[in-house]
Amino acid sequence: MSFVVEIQPEILLRTDNSVGIDLGIKTFATFSNGTKVDAPKPLKKRIKKLRKVKFVTIS
């Protein structure tokens, strides 16, 4: 997987705060403070909707 982010550079004040982000498959992102963000599952939602539509159409 790869992605590109285009931004305008911005000069920030220097602080002692920092954060690390680990991107993955099962857990979309894990931050260095332990916070986890689940991966989006758009296909799973669409399959459920499709099953409902097929059931209504066939019935």
N, C-alpha and C. Protein backbone atom coordinates (compact mmCIF):
# COMPACT_ATOMS: atom_id res chain seq x y z
N MET A 1 0.83 -1.15 0.00
CA MET A 1 0.00 0.00 0.00
C MET A 1 0.89 1.23 0.00
N SER A 2 0.47 2.22 -0.73
CA SER A 2 1.18 3.49 -0.69
C SER A 2 0.17 4.62 -0.82
N PHE A 3 0.54 5.75 -0.32
CA PHE A 3 -0.32 6.92 -0.47
C PHE A 3 0.55 8.16 -0.52
N VAL A 4 -0.01 9.21 -1.09
CA VAL A 4 0.73 10.46 -1.26
C VAL A 4 -0.07 11.56 -0.60
N VAL A 5 0.62 12.42 0.11
CA VAL A 5 -0.02 13.57 0.75
C VAL A 5 0.69 14.82 0.26
N GLU A 6 -0.08 15.74 -0.28
CA GLU A 6 0.50 17.00 -0.75
C GLU A 6 0.03 18.12 0.17
N ILE A 7 0.99 18.82 0.76
CA ILE A 7 0.65 19.92 1.66
C ILE A 7 1.57 21.10 1.38
N GLN A 8 1.18 22.25 1.86
CA GLN A 8 2.05 23.41 1.83
C GLN A 8 2.86 23.40 3.12
N PRO A 9 4.19 23.48 3.04
CA PRO A 9 5.01 23.47 4.25
C PRO A 9 4.64 24.63 5.18
N GLU A 10 4.67 24.36 6.47
CA GLU A 10 4.32 25.37 7.47
C GLU A 10 5.38 25.33 8.57
N ILE A 11 5.94 26.46 8.90
CA ILE A 11 6.94 26.53 9.96
C ILE A 11 6.22 26.53 11.30
N LEU A 12 6.60 25.59 12.16
CA LEU A 12 5.96 25.45 13.47
C LEU A 12 6.95 25.80 14.57
N LEU A 13 6.40 26.21 15.71
CA LEU A 13 7.25 26.46 16.87
C LEU A 13 7.80 25.14 17.39
N ARG A 14 9.02 25.16 17.88
CA ARG A 14 9.65 23.95 18.39
C ARG A 14 9.08 23.61 19.77
N THR A 15 8.67 22.34 19.94
CA THR A 15 8.16 21.87 21.23
C THR A 15 8.80 20.52 21.55
N ASP A 16 8.55 20.03 22.75
CA ASP A 16 9.05 18.71 23.14
C ASP A 16 8.01 17.63 22.88
N ASN A 17 6.88 17.99 22.29
CA ASN A 17 5.81 17.03 22.00
C ASN A 17 6.07 16.34 20.67
N SER A 18 5.88 15.03 20.65
CA SER A 18 6.00 14.29 19.40
C SER A 18 5.07 13.09 19.47
N VAL A 19 4.73 12.56 18.33
CA VAL A 19 3.85 11.39 18.27
C VAL A 19 4.32 10.50 17.13
N GLY A 20 4.22 9.19 17.34
CA GLY A 20 4.55 8.24 16.29
C GLY A 20 3.28 7.57 15.82
N ILE A 21 3.19 7.27 14.54
CA ILE A 21 2.00 6.62 13.98
C ILE A 21 2.44 5.40 13.19
N ASP A 22 1.85 4.25 13.54
CA ASP A 22 2.12 3.00 12.83
C ASP A 22 0.89 2.65 12.02
N LEU A 23 1.01 2.59 10.70
CA LEU A 23 -0.12 2.25 9.84
C LEU A 23 -0.11 0.76 9.57
N GLY A 24 -1.30 0.15 9.63
CA GLY A 24 -1.38 -1.29 9.43
C GLY A 24 -2.62 -1.68 8.66
N ILE A 25 -2.88 -2.99 8.59
CA ILE A 25 -4.03 -3.52 7.87
C ILE A 25 -5.21 -3.72 8.82
N LYS A 26 -5.00 -4.53 9.85
CA LYS A 26 -6.08 -4.83 10.79
C LYS A 26 -6.46 -3.59 11.60
N THR A 27 -5.47 -2.95 12.18
CA THR A 27 -5.68 -1.67 12.85
C THR A 27 -5.10 -0.62 11.92
N PHE A 28 -5.96 0.29 11.46
CA PHE A 28 -5.55 1.27 10.46
C PHE A 28 -4.37 2.10 10.94
N ALA A 29 -4.45 2.59 12.19
CA ALA A 29 -3.36 3.40 12.74
C ALA A 29 -3.25 3.16 14.23
N THR A 30 -2.04 3.10 14.72
CA THR A 30 -1.77 3.01 16.15
C THR A 30 -0.81 4.14 16.50
N PHE A 31 -1.21 4.99 17.43
CA PHE A 31 -0.38 6.12 17.83
C PHE A 31 0.54 5.69 18.96
N SER A 32 1.63 6.42 19.13
CA SER A 32 2.61 6.07 20.16
C SER A 32 2.04 6.16 21.57
N ASN A 33 0.90 6.85 21.76
CA ASN A 33 0.28 6.91 23.09
C ASN A 33 -0.67 5.73 23.33
N GLY A 34 -0.77 4.81 22.35
CA GLY A 34 -1.60 3.61 22.50
C GLY A 34 -2.96 3.70 21.85
N THR A 35 -3.37 4.87 21.41
CA THR A 35 -4.66 5.04 20.75
C THR A 35 -4.67 4.28 19.43
N LYS A 36 -5.76 3.52 19.19
CA LYS A 36 -5.87 2.74 17.95
C LYS A 36 -7.07 3.22 17.16
N VAL A 37 -6.92 3.23 15.84
CA VAL A 37 -8.00 3.59 14.92
C VAL A 37 -8.27 2.38 14.05
N ASP A 38 -9.49 1.86 14.11
CA ASP A 38 -9.84 0.69 13.30
C ASP A 38 -9.85 1.02 11.82
N ALA A 39 -9.55 0.02 11.02
CA ALA A 39 -9.55 0.19 9.57
C ALA A 39 -10.98 0.34 9.07
N PRO A 40 -11.21 1.24 8.11
CA PRO A 40 -12.55 1.37 7.54
C PRO A 40 -12.91 0.10 6.77
N LYS A 41 -14.18 -0.27 6.80
CA LYS A 41 -14.63 -1.49 6.13
C LYS A 41 -15.80 -1.19 5.19
N PRO A 42 -15.57 -0.38 4.15
CA PRO A 42 -16.67 -0.02 3.27
C PRO A 42 -17.23 -1.21 2.48
N LEU A 43 -16.39 -2.18 2.12
CA LEU A 43 -16.85 -3.32 1.35
C LEU A 43 -17.83 -4.16 2.17
N LYS A 44 -17.54 -4.35 3.42
CA LYS A 44 -18.40 -5.15 4.30
C LYS A 44 -19.80 -4.54 4.38
N LYS A 45 -19.88 -3.21 4.50
CA LYS A 45 -21.17 -2.52 4.56
C LYS A 45 -21.93 -2.67 3.24
N ARG A 46 -21.22 -2.56 2.14
CA ARG A 46 -21.87 -2.66 0.82
C ARG A 46 -22.39 -4.07 0.56
N ILE A 47 -21.66 -5.09 1.02
CA ILE A 47 -22.12 -6.47 0.84
C ILE A 47 -23.42 -6.69 1.60
N LYS A 48 -23.53 -6.17 2.82
CA LYS A 48 -24.76 -6.29 3.60
C LYS A 48 -25.93 -5.64 2.86
N LYS A 49 -25.71 -4.44 2.32
CA LYS A 49 -26.76 -3.73 1.58
C LYS A 49 -27.16 -4.52 0.34
N LEU A 50 -26.18 -5.07 -0.37
CA LEU A 50 -26.44 -5.84 -1.59
C LEU A 50 -27.28 -7.07 -1.27
N ARG A 51 -26.97 -7.76 -0.17
CA ARG A 51 -27.75 -8.94 0.22
C ARG A 51 -29.21 -8.56 0.46
N LYS A 52 -29.43 -7.43 1.12
CA LYS A 52 -30.80 -6.98 1.39
C LYS A 52 -31.53 -6.68 0.09
N VAL A 53 -30.86 -6.00 -0.82
CA VAL A 53 -31.47 -5.65 -2.11
C VAL A 53 -31.79 -6.91 -2.90
N LYS A 54 -30.87 -7.87 -2.94
CA LYS A 54 -31.10 -9.12 -3.66
C LYS A 54 -32.28 -9.87 -3.07
N PHE A 55 -32.39 -9.91 -1.73
CA PHE A 55 -33.47 -10.62 -1.06
C PHE A 55 -34.82 -9.99 -1.42
N VAL A 56 -34.88 -8.68 -1.42
CA VAL A 56 -36.13 -7.99 -1.73
C VAL A 56 -36.49 -8.20 -3.19
N THR A 57 -35.53 -8.17 -4.09
CA THR A 57 -35.79 -8.33 -5.51
C THR A 57 -36.25 -9.74 -5.85
N ILE A 58 -35.66 -10.75 -5.21
CA ILE A 58 -35.99 -12.16 -5.49
C ILE A 58 -37.34 -12.53 -4.88
N SER A 59 -37.65 -12.02 -3.72
CA SER A 59 -38.87 -12.40 -2.99
C SER A 59 -40.13 -12.04 -3.72
